[in-house]
Amino acid sequence: MYVTGLAWVDAVGKAHGEAMVNARPVATMVVVKDLIDERWKVEIEAEAVIS
């Protein structure tokens, strides 16, 4: 996860934890200066395997 400031870290971490409570994925969060669109505050990259 890429967040555009420390102010977003707690909210993003909480939302991620609630959404992924059953999946328990490995996750990394980093603070970045900017994303492509200045309106964006967080970008999440995810991959999934469905069998």
N, C-alpha and C. Protein backbone atom coordinates (compact mmCIF):
# COMPACT_ATOMS: atom_id res chain seq x y z
N MET A 1 0.84 -1.15 0.00
CA MET A 1 0.00 0.00 0.00
C MET A 1 0.89 1.23 0.00
N TYR A 2 0.50 2.19 -0.78
CA TYR A 2 1.21 3.46 -0.84
C TYR A 2 0.26 4.52 -0.31
N VAL A 3 0.67 5.27 0.70
CA VAL A 3 -0.16 6.34 1.23
C VAL A 3 0.61 7.66 1.11
N THR A 4 -0.11 8.74 0.92
CA THR A 4 0.53 10.03 0.64
C THR A 4 0.85 10.84 1.90
N GLY A 5 0.72 10.25 3.05
CA GLY A 5 1.11 10.96 4.27
C GLY A 5 0.87 10.12 5.50
N LEU A 6 1.59 10.43 6.55
CA LEU A 6 1.45 9.68 7.81
C LEU A 6 0.04 9.81 8.39
N ALA A 7 -0.66 10.88 8.05
CA ALA A 7 -2.02 11.08 8.57
C ALA A 7 -2.98 9.99 8.11
N TRP A 8 -2.66 9.29 7.03
CA TRP A 8 -3.55 8.26 6.46
C TRP A 8 -3.23 6.86 6.96
N VAL A 9 -2.10 6.66 7.57
CA VAL A 9 -1.62 5.32 7.91
C VAL A 9 -2.59 4.55 8.81
N ASP A 10 -3.07 5.15 9.87
CA ASP A 10 -3.97 4.44 10.79
C ASP A 10 -5.28 4.05 10.12
N ALA A 11 -5.88 4.97 9.38
CA ALA A 11 -7.17 4.69 8.73
C ALA A 11 -7.02 3.62 7.65
N VAL A 12 -5.96 3.69 6.88
CA VAL A 12 -5.73 2.70 5.83
C VAL A 12 -5.44 1.34 6.46
N GLY A 13 -4.62 1.30 7.49
CA GLY A 13 -4.32 0.04 8.17
C GLY A 13 -5.56 -0.59 8.77
N LYS A 14 -6.43 0.22 9.36
CA LYS A 14 -7.67 -0.30 9.95
C LYS A 14 -8.59 -0.85 8.86
N ALA A 15 -8.77 -0.10 7.79
CA ALA A 15 -9.64 -0.56 6.69
C ALA A 15 -9.09 -1.84 6.06
N HIS A 16 -7.79 -1.90 5.87
CA HIS A 16 -7.17 -3.09 5.30
C HIS A 16 -7.37 -4.29 6.22
N GLY A 17 -7.16 -4.08 7.50
CA GLY A 17 -7.34 -5.17 8.46
C GLY A 17 -8.77 -5.69 8.49
N GLU A 18 -9.74 -4.78 8.42
CA GLU A 18 -11.15 -5.20 8.42
C GLU A 18 -11.51 -5.93 7.13
N ALA A 19 -10.99 -5.47 6.00
CA ALA A 19 -11.31 -6.09 4.71
C ALA A 19 -10.63 -7.44 4.55
N MET A 20 -9.47 -7.61 5.15
CA MET A 20 -8.67 -8.81 4.94
C MET A 20 -8.60 -9.71 6.16
N VAL A 21 -9.53 -9.57 7.08
CA VAL A 21 -9.48 -10.30 8.35
C VAL A 21 -9.39 -11.81 8.15
N ASN A 22 -10.05 -12.35 7.15
CA ASN A 22 -10.02 -13.80 6.92
C ASN A 22 -8.88 -14.24 6.01
N ALA A 23 -8.31 -13.32 5.24
CA ALA A 23 -7.24 -13.68 4.30
C ALA A 23 -5.88 -13.63 4.97
N ARG A 24 -5.68 -12.71 5.89
CA ARG A 24 -4.40 -12.54 6.60
C ARG A 24 -3.21 -12.46 5.65
N PRO A 25 -3.26 -11.56 4.66
CA PRO A 25 -2.15 -11.48 3.70
C PRO A 25 -0.92 -10.79 4.30
N VAL A 26 0.21 -11.05 3.69
CA VAL A 26 1.41 -10.29 4.00
C VAL A 26 1.19 -8.92 3.38
N ALA A 27 1.56 -7.86 4.08
CA ALA A 27 1.31 -6.52 3.55
C ALA A 27 2.45 -5.58 3.94
N THR A 28 2.67 -4.61 3.08
CA THR A 28 3.65 -3.56 3.33
C THR A 28 2.97 -2.23 3.05
N MET A 29 3.23 -1.24 3.89
CA MET A 29 2.70 0.09 3.68
C MET A 29 3.87 1.07 3.69
N VAL A 30 3.92 1.94 2.69
CA VAL A 30 4.97 2.94 2.63
C VAL A 30 4.33 4.31 2.38
N VAL A 31 4.97 5.34 2.91
CA VAL A 31 4.53 6.70 2.66
C VAL A 31 5.31 7.24 1.47
N VAL A 32 4.59 7.78 0.51
CA VAL A 32 5.19 8.34 -0.70
C VAL A 32 4.82 9.83 -0.81
N LYS A 33 5.59 10.56 -1.57
CA LYS A 33 5.34 11.99 -1.73
C LYS A 33 4.04 12.24 -2.49
N ASP A 34 3.86 11.58 -3.61
CA ASP A 34 2.70 11.79 -4.48
C ASP A 34 2.30 10.50 -5.16
N LEU A 35 1.04 10.46 -5.61
CA LEU A 35 0.56 9.43 -6.52
C LEU A 35 0.24 10.14 -7.84
N ILE A 36 -0.11 9.40 -8.87
CA ILE A 36 -0.32 9.98 -10.20
C ILE A 36 -1.38 11.08 -10.18
N ASP A 37 -2.47 10.87 -9.46
CA ASP A 37 -3.56 11.85 -9.38
C ASP A 37 -3.51 12.46 -7.99
N GLU A 38 -3.42 13.76 -7.90
CA GLU A 38 -3.28 14.42 -6.59
C GLU A 38 -4.48 14.20 -5.66
N ARG A 39 -5.63 13.79 -6.20
CA ARG A 39 -6.80 13.49 -5.37
C ARG A 39 -6.66 12.17 -4.64
N TRP A 40 -5.81 11.28 -5.13
CA TRP A 40 -5.63 9.97 -4.52
C TRP A 40 -4.80 10.10 -3.25
N LYS A 41 -5.22 9.40 -2.22
CA LYS A 41 -4.50 9.39 -0.94
C LYS A 41 -3.86 8.04 -0.65
N VAL A 42 -4.36 6.99 -1.33
CA VAL A 42 -3.84 5.64 -1.11
C VAL A 42 -3.95 4.84 -2.39
N GLU A 43 -2.97 3.99 -2.62
CA GLU A 43 -3.00 3.03 -3.73
C GLU A 43 -2.69 1.66 -3.15
N ILE A 44 -3.50 0.70 -3.51
CA ILE A 44 -3.31 -0.67 -3.01
C ILE A 44 -3.14 -1.59 -4.19
N GLU A 45 -2.09 -2.37 -4.19
CA GLU A 45 -1.86 -3.37 -5.22
C GLU A 45 -2.13 -4.73 -4.60
N ALA A 46 -2.90 -5.54 -5.30
CA ALA A 46 -3.24 -6.85 -4.75
C ALA A 46 -3.22 -7.91 -5.85
N GLU A 47 -2.87 -9.10 -5.46
CA GLU A 47 -2.92 -10.27 -6.35
C GLU A 47 -3.66 -11.37 -5.62
N ALA A 48 -4.38 -12.15 -6.37
CA ALA A 48 -5.14 -13.24 -5.76
C ALA A 48 -5.08 -14.49 -6.62
N VAL A 49 -5.15 -15.61 -5.95
CA VAL A 49 -5.22 -16.90 -6.64
C VAL A 49 -6.54 -17.54 -6.26
N ILE A 50 -7.31 -17.88 -7.26
CA ILE A 50 -8.60 -18.54 -7.03
C ILE A 50 -8.49 -19.95 -7.58
N SER A 51 -8.70 -20.93 -6.73
CA SER A 51 -8.58 -22.30 -7.20
C SER A 51 -9.92 -22.99 -7.20
